[in-house]
Amino acid sequence: MKSGSLLALLLGISITLGLTAQAQAYAPLGHEIVGAIADDRLANTPTAAKIRALIGGLSLEKAGLLADTIKGWDKMGVDGPKSFRVASPKIDRQFRDFWRANQPAYDIHSAAPSHHWFHYTDVPVTPSQNYGDGRAGRSKWDIVHMIPYCVEVLRGRRPEQNERKITKPVALILLVHYVADIHQPLHVGAQYFDAEGRIADPDKDQSALADEGGNTFTLELRDEPPRTRGMRKKKLHAFWDYDAVNALFPQLPIRVRKRELEEQIKPLKEQLVHELATHEPTNWGMLANMDVTNYAEAWANEILPIAREAHERLQFIHENKTGKLLTASVLLGGILAGANEDQIVALRRYGHATGLAFQIVDDLLDIEADAATLGKTAGKDVAQGKLTYPALLGMDAARAEAQRLLEVAVDNADMITGPNYLADIARYICARRS
């Protein structure tokens, strides 16, 4: 593909990414929206004709999904009887070769990279920095390197018979996906933590662990109703991928079957795509003299402040072992006593609320109580810089949160019929002074 056509493609894909902060999240729907906008921008142009010829008639709207679709091969491989086809025979064959050359791997020192690594980079959001300012979280196989890799294949500057098995059709399809991924903040920035759960600088502490783009976080929203049986905990990354995209369509019902949702969302998506494709922003363009191979790093630097803000809006609090032990205990008692489904849910809520209340009270006592009363060294958490509830919320707000959790615990304890001491136990935990 000639440089002029490639530039037109990149501009067509990326033009929407400066339009709205809400567009910076990508699950299948998000990738479809980005690809559809590129289709709209390039419609009836020579570039569009070249693209369709190169990728076997696929639209960019559908092509943008394939880099994630092939993750479905990870468990069973591409050669088994249950292996599914992702595109036309020619494109499918090339993607199978790509998968074989870049199979899933968990060792960063693996001889061959994993195709999963190509989707992201983990630049530390603390301290503030650009992509080129350090080494932690970056690699030669991250998204900032793979976008120009694909560009070089399309330009003919890198042979199609390369070790990664990225042919021109594969390069174009990957590029549609990666350009969207790099504008999702959690595909670019990550927070790092030391062994004590404190935010750390991985360039100074090489043992610090990344949050993997929010995939290691369980997200608890204050205004979210309690989960019931069968509802999975939500990860921060998934929240950006799904909830943020769905927020583009507030008129849709919260709970609806997948097929019905697709039918309802189709005209709304088409309307949004047309609006974003026809209203060009004033601040999205790159420098006139910048080569397209440098776009990826510029995009990463542009999105890093939003990744930083996404993490700054979180309160990093671990679910303590005491809470898990308490929850397990009351659930076991409930199951042995023949509790029904509603009561099991109530017991789970009770255990979670009482456990967190215990942790908050413990944090408050560490600050307020003396060593003789507390039975251990007072002020130890503060001295060690641990991330505690009072440190995050303030003393008054932490007390209020403990009281709120106590009320949740008592309300759920009241749902358990027959004599029990659950409410009294929760009150004792919140009233204790040692």
Protein backbone atom coordinates (compact mmCIF):
# COMPACT_ATOMS: atom_id res chain seq x y z
CA MET A 1 0.00 0.00 0.00
CA LYS A 2 1.44 3.38 -0.97
CA SER A 3 2.21 5.98 1.70
CA GLY A 4 -0.60 8.27 0.55
CA SER A 5 -3.18 5.51 0.91
CA LEU A 6 -1.73 4.43 4.24
CA LEU A 7 -1.89 7.97 5.58
CA ALA A 8 -5.49 8.28 4.44
CA LEU A 9 -6.29 5.02 6.23
CA LEU A 10 -4.66 6.12 9.48
CA LEU A 11 -6.44 9.45 9.38
CA GLY A 12 -9.73 7.75 8.64
CA ILE A 13 -9.32 5.42 11.60
CA SER A 14 -8.05 7.99 14.05
CA ILE A 15 -10.14 11.03 13.22
CA THR A 16 -12.81 10.17 15.75
CA LEU A 17 -10.37 9.62 18.58
CA GLY A 18 -10.07 13.30 19.37
CA LEU A 19 -13.81 13.90 19.26
CA THR A 20 -15.01 12.77 22.65
CA ALA A 21 -13.61 11.27 25.82
CA GLN A 22 -16.48 8.81 25.80
CA ALA A 23 -15.12 7.22 22.64
CA GLN A 24 -11.94 6.18 24.45
CA ALA A 25 -13.08 2.70 25.41
CA TYR A 26 -13.31 -0.36 23.23
CA ALA A 27 -15.09 -3.66 23.53
CA PRO A 28 -16.51 -5.23 20.33
CA LEU A 29 -19.00 -2.38 20.04
CA GLY A 30 -16.29 0.24 20.51
CA HIS A 31 -14.05 -1.32 17.87
CA GLU A 32 -16.99 -1.55 15.48
CA ILE A 33 -17.71 2.15 15.98
CA VAL A 34 -14.10 3.14 15.27
CA GLY A 35 -13.93 0.92 12.17
CA ALA A 36 -17.30 2.17 10.91
CA ILE A 37 -16.17 5.78 11.22
CA ALA A 38 -13.10 4.95 9.12
CA ASP A 39 -15.37 3.25 6.54
CA ASP A 40 -17.53 6.39 6.43
CA ARG A 41 -14.55 8.74 6.08
CA LEU A 42 -12.99 6.69 3.28
CA ALA A 43 -16.20 5.86 1.41
CA ASN A 44 -16.04 6.14 -2.39
CA THR A 45 -12.30 6.83 -2.43
CA PRO A 46 -9.50 4.92 -4.18
CA THR A 47 -8.12 4.05 -0.73
CA ALA A 48 -11.37 2.33 0.23
CA ALA A 49 -11.22 0.21 -2.94
CA LYS A 50 -7.61 -0.81 -2.18
CA ILE A 51 -8.53 -1.73 1.39
CA ARG A 52 -11.43 -3.95 0.37
CA ALA A 53 -9.30 -5.69 -2.27
CA LEU A 54 -6.51 -6.27 0.25
CA ILE A 55 -8.68 -7.76 3.01
CA GLY A 56 -11.10 -9.74 0.88
CA GLY A 57 -14.05 -7.37 0.92
CA LEU A 58 -14.19 -6.99 4.71
CA SER A 59 -15.36 -3.65 6.03
CA LEU A 60 -13.11 -1.95 8.56
CA GLU A 61 -16.04 -2.13 10.97
CA LYS A 62 -15.83 -5.92 10.96
CA ALA A 63 -12.07 -6.19 10.40
CA GLY A 64 -11.48 -4.26 13.61
CA LEU A 65 -12.75 -7.22 15.65
CA LEU A 66 -10.44 -9.93 14.33
CA ALA A 67 -7.40 -9.18 16.54
CA ASP A 68 -9.58 -10.00 19.55
CA THR A 69 -11.53 -12.78 17.85
CA ILE A 70 -8.41 -14.90 17.37
CA LYS A 71 -7.97 -15.01 21.16
CA GLY A 72 -10.67 -17.67 20.94
CA TRP A 73 -8.02 -19.98 19.47
CA ASP A 74 -5.84 -19.73 22.57
CA LYS A 75 -7.32 -22.72 24.42
CA MET A 76 -7.80 -25.22 21.59
CA GLY A 77 -5.25 -24.03 19.03
CA VAL A 78 -5.83 -23.48 15.33
CA ASP A 79 -5.41 -27.02 14.05
CA GLY A 80 -8.03 -28.91 16.03
CA PRO A 81 -11.50 -29.97 14.81
CA LYS A 82 -13.18 -27.28 16.94
CA SER A 83 -11.10 -24.46 15.47
CA PHE A 84 -13.38 -21.80 13.97
CA ARG A 85 -12.85 -19.68 10.86
CA VAL A 86 -12.44 -15.93 11.29
CA ALA A 87 -12.66 -14.65 7.70
CA SER A 88 -12.34 -15.73 4.06
CA PRO A 89 -10.09 -18.76 3.47
CA LYS A 90 -7.14 -16.61 2.40
CA ILE A 91 -7.34 -14.19 5.36
CA ASP A 92 -8.15 -17.03 7.74
CA ARG A 93 -5.06 -18.96 6.63
CA GLN A 94 -2.83 -15.92 7.15
CA PHE A 95 -4.25 -15.27 10.63
CA ARG A 96 -3.64 -18.90 11.61
CA ASP A 97 0.01 -18.49 10.59
CA PHE A 98 0.11 -15.25 12.63
CA TRP A 99 -1.33 -17.02 15.69
CA ARG A 100 1.16 -19.91 15.40
CA ALA A 101 4.06 -17.46 15.29
CA ASN A 102 2.78 -15.48 18.29
CA GLN A 103 1.12 -17.99 20.59
CA PRO A 104 0.07 -17.05 24.13
CA ALA A 105 3.05 -16.77 26.49
CA TYR A 106 3.40 -15.57 30.06
CA ASP A 107 7.17 -15.38 30.34
CA ILE A 108 8.36 -11.94 29.23
CA HIS A 109 11.65 -13.59 28.22
CA SER A 110 9.91 -16.05 25.92
CA ALA A 111 11.71 -16.63 22.61
CA ALA A 112 8.56 -15.66 20.70
CA PRO A 113 6.17 -12.90 21.79
CA SER A 114 2.49 -13.45 22.57
CA HIS A 115 -0.03 -11.78 20.27
CA HIS A 116 -1.69 -10.51 23.46
CA TRP A 117 1.33 -8.28 24.17
CA PHE A 118 0.79 -6.39 20.92
CA HIS A 119 -2.39 -4.74 22.26
CA TYR A 120 -0.96 -2.65 25.09
CA THR A 121 1.92 -1.04 26.92
CA ASP A 122 2.16 -0.52 30.68
CA VAL A 123 3.75 2.90 31.11
CA PRO A 124 3.69 3.86 34.83
CA VAL A 125 1.18 6.61 35.57
CA THR A 126 3.12 7.44 38.74
CA PRO A 127 5.36 9.37 38.51
CA SER A 128 4.06 11.36 35.55
CA GLN A 129 6.01 10.57 32.38
CA ASN A 130 5.90 10.10 28.62
CA TYR A 131 6.52 6.84 26.80
CA GLY A 132 10.15 7.69 25.98
CA ASP A 133 11.07 8.75 29.52
CA GLY A 134 11.73 5.30 30.96
CA ARG A 135 11.86 1.56 30.36
CA ALA A 136 9.45 0.01 32.87
CA GLY A 137 6.33 -1.44 31.27
CA ARG A 138 7.58 -0.98 27.71
CA SER A 139 8.87 -3.64 25.35
CA LYS A 140 9.78 -4.05 21.71
CA TRP A 141 6.54 -6.03 21.29
CA ASP A 142 4.16 -3.51 22.85
CA ILE A 143 1.52 -1.56 20.97
CA VAL A 144 3.75 1.48 20.49
CA HIS A 145 6.18 -0.72 18.54
CA MET A 146 3.65 -2.95 16.78
CA ILE A 147 1.74 -0.08 15.13
CA PRO A 148 4.84 1.09 13.21
CA TYR A 149 5.73 -2.57 12.56
CA CYS A 150 2.42 -2.97 10.72
CA VAL A 151 2.94 0.37 8.96
CA GLU A 152 6.34 -0.77 7.71
CA VAL A 153 4.85 -4.00 6.33
CA LEU A 154 2.15 -2.05 4.48
CA ARG A 155 4.74 0.36 3.10
CA GLY A 156 6.86 -2.53 1.85
CA ARG A 157 9.77 -1.50 4.07
CA ARG A 158 9.49 -4.74 6.03
CA PRO A 159 9.04 -8.01 4.09
CA GLU A 160 5.77 -9.93 4.43
CA GLN A 161 7.79 -13.07 5.14
CA ASN A 162 8.76 -11.80 8.58
CA GLU A 163 9.13 -13.81 11.79
CA ARG A 164 5.82 -12.53 13.17
CA LYS A 165 3.97 -13.71 10.04
CA ILE A 166 2.36 -10.30 9.57
CA THR A 167 1.41 -10.05 5.90
CA LYS A 168 -0.07 -6.91 4.40
CA PRO A 169 -3.69 -8.05 4.92
CA VAL A 170 -2.93 -9.06 8.51
CA ALA A 171 -1.03 -5.79 9.09
CA LEU A 172 -3.98 -3.72 7.91
CA ILE A 173 -6.50 -5.64 10.03
CA LEU A 174 -4.27 -5.45 13.10
CA LEU A 175 -3.71 -1.75 12.53
CA VAL A 176 -7.44 -1.02 12.57
CA HIS A 177 -7.63 -2.69 15.98
CA TYR A 178 -4.40 -1.36 17.50
CA VAL A 179 -5.12 2.26 16.59
CA ALA A 180 -8.33 1.94 18.60
CA ASP A 181 -6.62 0.11 21.47
CA ILE A 182 -3.94 2.75 21.92
CA HIS A 183 -6.65 5.34 22.54
CA GLN A 184 -8.10 3.31 25.40
CA PRO A 185 -6.24 4.74 28.43
CA LEU A 186 -5.86 1.39 30.19
CA HIS A 187 -4.08 -0.04 27.14
CA VAL A 188 -1.35 2.56 27.70
CA GLY A 189 -0.97 3.41 31.39
CA ALA A 190 -0.74 1.24 34.49
CA GLN A 191 -0.33 1.75 38.22
CA TYR A 192 2.39 -0.19 40.03
CA PHE A 193 2.35 -1.50 43.62
CA ASP A 194 4.92 -2.88 46.03
CA ALA A 195 4.49 -5.98 48.20
CA GLU A 196 2.62 -3.94 50.84
CA GLY A 197 0.08 -2.65 48.34
CA ARG A 198 1.57 0.84 48.20
CA ILE A 199 1.91 2.75 44.92
CA ALA A 200 5.48 2.34 43.71
CA ASP A 201 7.81 3.58 40.97
CA PRO A 202 8.90 0.47 39.02
CA ASP A 203 12.02 2.23 37.73
CA LYS A 204 13.20 2.40 41.38
CA ASP A 205 11.56 -0.77 42.70
CA GLN A 206 11.90 -3.53 40.14
CA SER A 207 9.77 -5.87 42.26
CA ALA A 208 6.74 -3.57 41.84
CA LEU A 209 3.82 -5.21 40.05
CA ALA A 210 1.64 -3.54 37.43
CA ASP A 211 -2.14 -3.54 37.61
CA GLU A 212 -2.13 -4.90 34.02
CA GLY A 213 -4.24 -2.07 32.68
CA GLY A 214 -6.77 -2.38 35.48
CA ASN A 215 -7.31 -6.11 34.90
CA THR A 216 -6.15 -6.95 38.44
CA PHE A 217 -8.65 -4.54 40.04
CA THR A 218 -12.13 -5.42 41.18
CA LEU A 219 -14.24 -2.30 40.75
CA GLU A 220 -16.78 -1.39 43.40
CA LEU A 221 -19.07 1.50 42.40
CA ARG A 222 -20.79 3.39 45.19
CA ASP A 223 -24.08 3.68 43.29
CA GLU A 224 -24.10 0.09 42.03
CA PRO A 225 -26.65 -2.32 43.53
CA PRO A 226 -25.24 -5.36 45.35
CA ARG A 227 -24.37 -8.31 43.14
CA THR A 228 -26.61 -11.36 43.22
CA ARG A 229 -25.68 -14.96 42.50
CA GLY A 230 -24.27 -15.39 39.01
CA MET A 231 -23.12 -11.77 38.68
CA ARG A 232 -19.36 -11.57 38.30
CA LYS A 233 -17.20 -8.94 39.88
CA LYS A 234 -16.34 -6.15 37.46
CA LYS A 235 -12.75 -5.34 36.54
CA LEU A 236 -11.64 -1.75 36.01
CA HIS A 237 -10.49 -2.59 32.47
CA ALA A 238 -13.83 -4.16 31.60
CA PHE A 239 -15.62 -1.09 32.93
CA TRP A 240 -13.76 1.06 30.40
CA ASP A 241 -14.28 -1.49 27.64
CA TYR A 242 -18.01 -2.02 28.11
CA ASP A 243 -19.72 0.43 30.45
CA ALA A 244 -18.03 3.51 29.02
CA VAL A 245 -19.01 2.49 25.49
CA ASN A 246 -22.57 1.66 26.46
CA ALA A 247 -22.81 5.09 28.10
CA LEU A 248 -22.80 6.50 24.56
CA PHE A 249 -26.36 5.15 24.34
CA PRO A 250 -28.08 6.19 27.61
CA GLN A 251 -31.53 5.60 26.09
CA LEU A 252 -31.01 1.83 26.05
CA PRO A 253 -32.36 -0.33 28.91
CA ILE A 254 -29.78 -1.51 31.44
CA ARG A 255 -30.65 -5.19 31.22
CA VAL A 256 -31.67 -6.66 27.88
CA ARG A 257 -30.92 -9.84 25.94
CA LYS A 258 -27.93 -9.67 23.58
CA ARG A 259 -29.92 -10.09 20.34
CA GLU A 260 -32.48 -7.49 21.39
CA LEU A 261 -29.68 -5.11 22.41
CA GLU A 262 -28.02 -5.48 19.00
CA GLU A 263 -31.30 -4.67 17.25
CA GLN A 264 -31.94 -1.61 19.40
CA ILE A 265 -28.40 -0.32 19.19
CA LYS A 266 -27.92 -0.64 15.41
CA PRO A 267 -29.73 2.58 14.34
CA LEU A 268 -28.25 4.48 17.28
CA LYS A 269 -24.76 3.29 16.34
CA GLU A 270 -25.24 4.32 12.71
CA GLN A 271 -26.38 7.77 13.81
CA LEU A 272 -23.38 8.18 16.14
CA VAL A 273 -20.93 6.98 13.47
CA HIS A 274 -22.26 9.46 10.92
CA GLU A 275 -22.12 12.30 13.43
CA LEU A 276 -18.53 11.59 14.43
CA ALA A 277 -17.41 11.00 10.83
CA THR A 278 -18.83 14.30 9.56
CA HIS A 279 -17.79 16.64 12.39
CA GLU A 280 -14.03 16.90 12.30
CA PRO A 281 -12.40 18.08 15.55
CA THR A 282 -9.98 20.98 15.58
CA ASN A 283 -7.29 19.41 17.80
CA TRP A 284 -6.88 15.84 16.58
CA GLY A 285 -4.19 16.20 13.89
CA MET A 286 -0.51 15.29 14.13
CA LEU A 287 2.34 17.61 13.25
CA ALA A 288 2.57 18.09 9.50
CA ASN A 289 6.17 16.83 9.30
CA MET A 290 5.66 13.78 11.53
CA ASP A 291 6.16 10.41 9.86
CA VAL A 292 3.32 7.92 10.39
CA THR A 293 5.74 5.49 12.08
CA ASN A 294 5.97 7.99 14.96
CA TYR A 295 2.22 8.35 15.42
CA ALA A 296 1.95 5.54 17.98
CA GLU A 297 4.32 7.13 20.51
CA ALA A 298 2.64 10.51 20.05
CA TRP A 299 -0.77 8.92 20.63
CA ALA A 300 0.52 7.12 23.75
CA ASN A 301 1.85 10.39 25.17
CA GLU A 302 -1.45 12.09 24.40
CA ILE A 303 -3.52 9.43 26.18
CA LEU A 304 -1.27 8.93 29.24
CA PRO A 305 -2.72 11.90 31.19
CA ILE A 306 -6.18 10.33 30.83
CA ALA A 307 -4.83 6.97 32.03
CA ARG A 308 -3.36 8.84 35.01
CA GLU A 309 -6.69 10.52 35.73
CA ALA A 310 -8.51 7.18 35.46
CA HIS A 311 -6.30 5.79 38.23
CA GLU A 312 -6.43 8.96 40.35
CA ARG A 313 -10.22 8.62 40.55
CA LEU A 314 -9.86 5.22 42.25
CA GLN A 315 -9.55 4.39 45.90
CA PHE A 316 -7.13 1.47 46.14
CA ILE A 317 -8.34 -0.66 49.01
CA HIS A 318 -7.80 -4.39 49.35
CA GLU A 319 -10.49 -6.79 50.47
CA ASN A 320 -8.96 -7.98 53.73
CA LYS A 321 -8.46 -11.59 54.79
CA THR A 322 -10.62 -11.04 57.88
CA GLY A 323 -13.61 -10.15 55.69
CA LYS A 324 -13.12 -13.20 53.49
CA LEU A 325 -12.81 -15.52 56.49
CA LEU A 326 -15.92 -13.99 58.07
CA THR A 327 -17.90 -14.31 54.84
CA ALA A 328 -16.82 -17.93 54.41
CA SER A 329 -17.84 -18.69 58.00
CA VAL A 330 -21.34 -17.26 57.79
CA LEU A 331 -21.92 -18.81 54.34
CA LEU A 332 -20.87 -22.23 55.61
CA GLY A 333 -23.24 -21.89 58.57
CA GLY A 334 -26.06 -20.79 56.29
CA ILE A 335 -25.55 -23.67 53.86
CA LEU A 336 -25.46 -26.24 56.67
CA ALA A 337 -28.64 -24.72 58.13
CA GLY A 338 -30.44 -24.98 54.79
CA ALA A 339 -30.57 -21.27 53.96
CA ASN A 340 -32.45 -20.40 50.78
CA GLU A 341 -30.99 -18.44 47.87
CA ASP A 342 -32.08 -15.02 49.15
CA GLN A 343 -30.61 -15.76 52.57
CA ILE A 344 -27.31 -16.88 51.03
CA VAL A 345 -27.13 -13.55 49.19
CA ALA A 346 -27.90 -11.73 52.46
CA LEU A 347 -25.18 -13.66 54.28
CA ARG A 348 -22.67 -12.82 51.57
CA ARG A 349 -23.55 -9.12 51.82
CA TYR A 350 -23.39 -9.31 55.60
CA GLY A 351 -19.92 -10.87 55.55
CA HIS A 352 -18.58 -8.40 53.00
CA ALA A 353 -19.94 -5.35 54.86
CA THR A 354 -18.86 -6.56 58.31
CA GLY A 355 -15.38 -7.45 57.06
CA LEU A 356 -14.83 -4.03 55.51
CA ALA A 357 -16.24 -2.35 58.61
CA PHE A 358 -13.74 -4.34 60.70
CA GLN A 359 -10.88 -3.06 58.48
CA ILE A 360 -12.01 0.58 58.72
CA VAL A 361 -12.37 0.39 62.51
CA ASP A 362 -8.93 -1.24 62.69
CA ASP A 363 -7.47 1.60 60.62
CA LEU A 364 -9.14 4.22 62.84
CA LEU A 365 -7.92 2.54 66.03
CA ASP A 366 -4.37 2.49 64.68
CA ILE A 367 -4.55 6.29 64.65
CA GLU A 368 -6.71 7.04 67.69
CA ALA A 369 -5.96 4.34 70.28
CA ASP A 370 -2.88 4.02 72.48
CA ALA A 371 -0.67 0.94 72.40
CA ALA A 372 -1.88 -0.36 75.80
CA THR A 373 -5.53 -0.33 74.71
CA LEU A 374 -4.86 -1.53 71.20
CA GLY A 375 -2.66 -4.43 72.18
CA LYS A 376 -0.16 -3.63 69.43
CA THR A 377 2.01 -0.73 68.32
CA ALA A 378 -0.24 2.25 67.54
CA GLY A 379 0.45 4.38 64.49
CA LYS A 380 2.30 1.55 62.73
CA ASP A 381 0.20 1.76 59.53
CA VAL A 382 0.81 5.49 59.14
CA ALA A 383 4.53 5.12 59.83
CA GLN A 384 4.80 2.46 57.13
CA GLY A 385 2.83 4.52 54.63
CA LYS A 386 0.12 1.90 54.22
CA LEU A 387 -2.93 2.78 52.16
CA THR A 388 -5.68 2.95 54.80
CA TYR A 389 -9.29 4.11 54.76
CA PRO A 390 -8.64 7.22 56.90
CA ALA A 391 -5.73 8.15 54.60
CA LEU A 392 -8.02 7.93 51.58
CA LEU A 393 -11.30 9.22 52.98
CA GLY A 394 -10.33 11.27 56.03
CA MET A 395 -11.22 10.38 59.63
CA ASP A 396 -14.82 11.63 59.60
CA ALA A 397 -15.64 10.08 56.25
CA ALA A 398 -14.05 6.79 57.33
CA ARG A 399 -16.25 6.73 60.47
CA ALA A 400 -19.30 7.48 58.32
CA GLU A 401 -18.38 4.64 55.94
CA ALA A 402 -18.01 2.23 58.86
CA GLN A 403 -21.46 3.27 60.10
CA ARG A 404 -22.95 2.79 56.63
CA LEU A 405 -21.43 -0.69 56.39
CA LEU A 406 -22.79 -1.53 59.86
CA GLU A 407 -26.28 -0.60 58.68
CA VAL A 408 -25.86 -2.79 55.59
CA ALA A 409 -24.70 -5.67 57.79
CA VAL A 410 -27.61 -5.30 60.24
CA ASP A 411 -30.18 -5.02 57.44
CA ASN A 412 -28.94 -8.24 55.89
CA ALA A 413 -28.66 -9.98 59.25
CA ASP A 414 -32.35 -9.21 59.82
CA MET A 415 -33.19 -11.21 56.68
CA ILE A 416 -32.00 -14.40 58.39
CA THR A 417 -34.95 -16.00 60.18
CA GLY A 418 -34.63 -17.64 63.56
CA PRO A 419 -32.42 -16.67 66.48
CA ASN A 420 -28.93 -15.46 65.51
CA TYR A 421 -26.31 -13.07 66.78
CA LEU A 422 -25.14 -11.69 63.44
CA ALA A 423 -26.38 -8.13 64.03
CA ASP A 424 -24.87 -8.09 67.54
CA ILE A 425 -21.54 -9.30 66.20
CA ALA A 426 -21.49 -6.52 63.59
CA ARG A 427 -22.33 -3.90 66.24
CA TYR A 428 -19.58 -5.21 68.50
CA ILE A 429 -17.02 -5.08 65.69
CA CYS A 430 -17.84 -1.45 64.96
CA ALA A 431 -17.94 -0.42 68.64
CA ARG A 432 -14.73 -2.14 69.74
CA ARG A 433 -11.82 -0.13 71.11
CA SER A 434 -9.08 -2.69 70.72
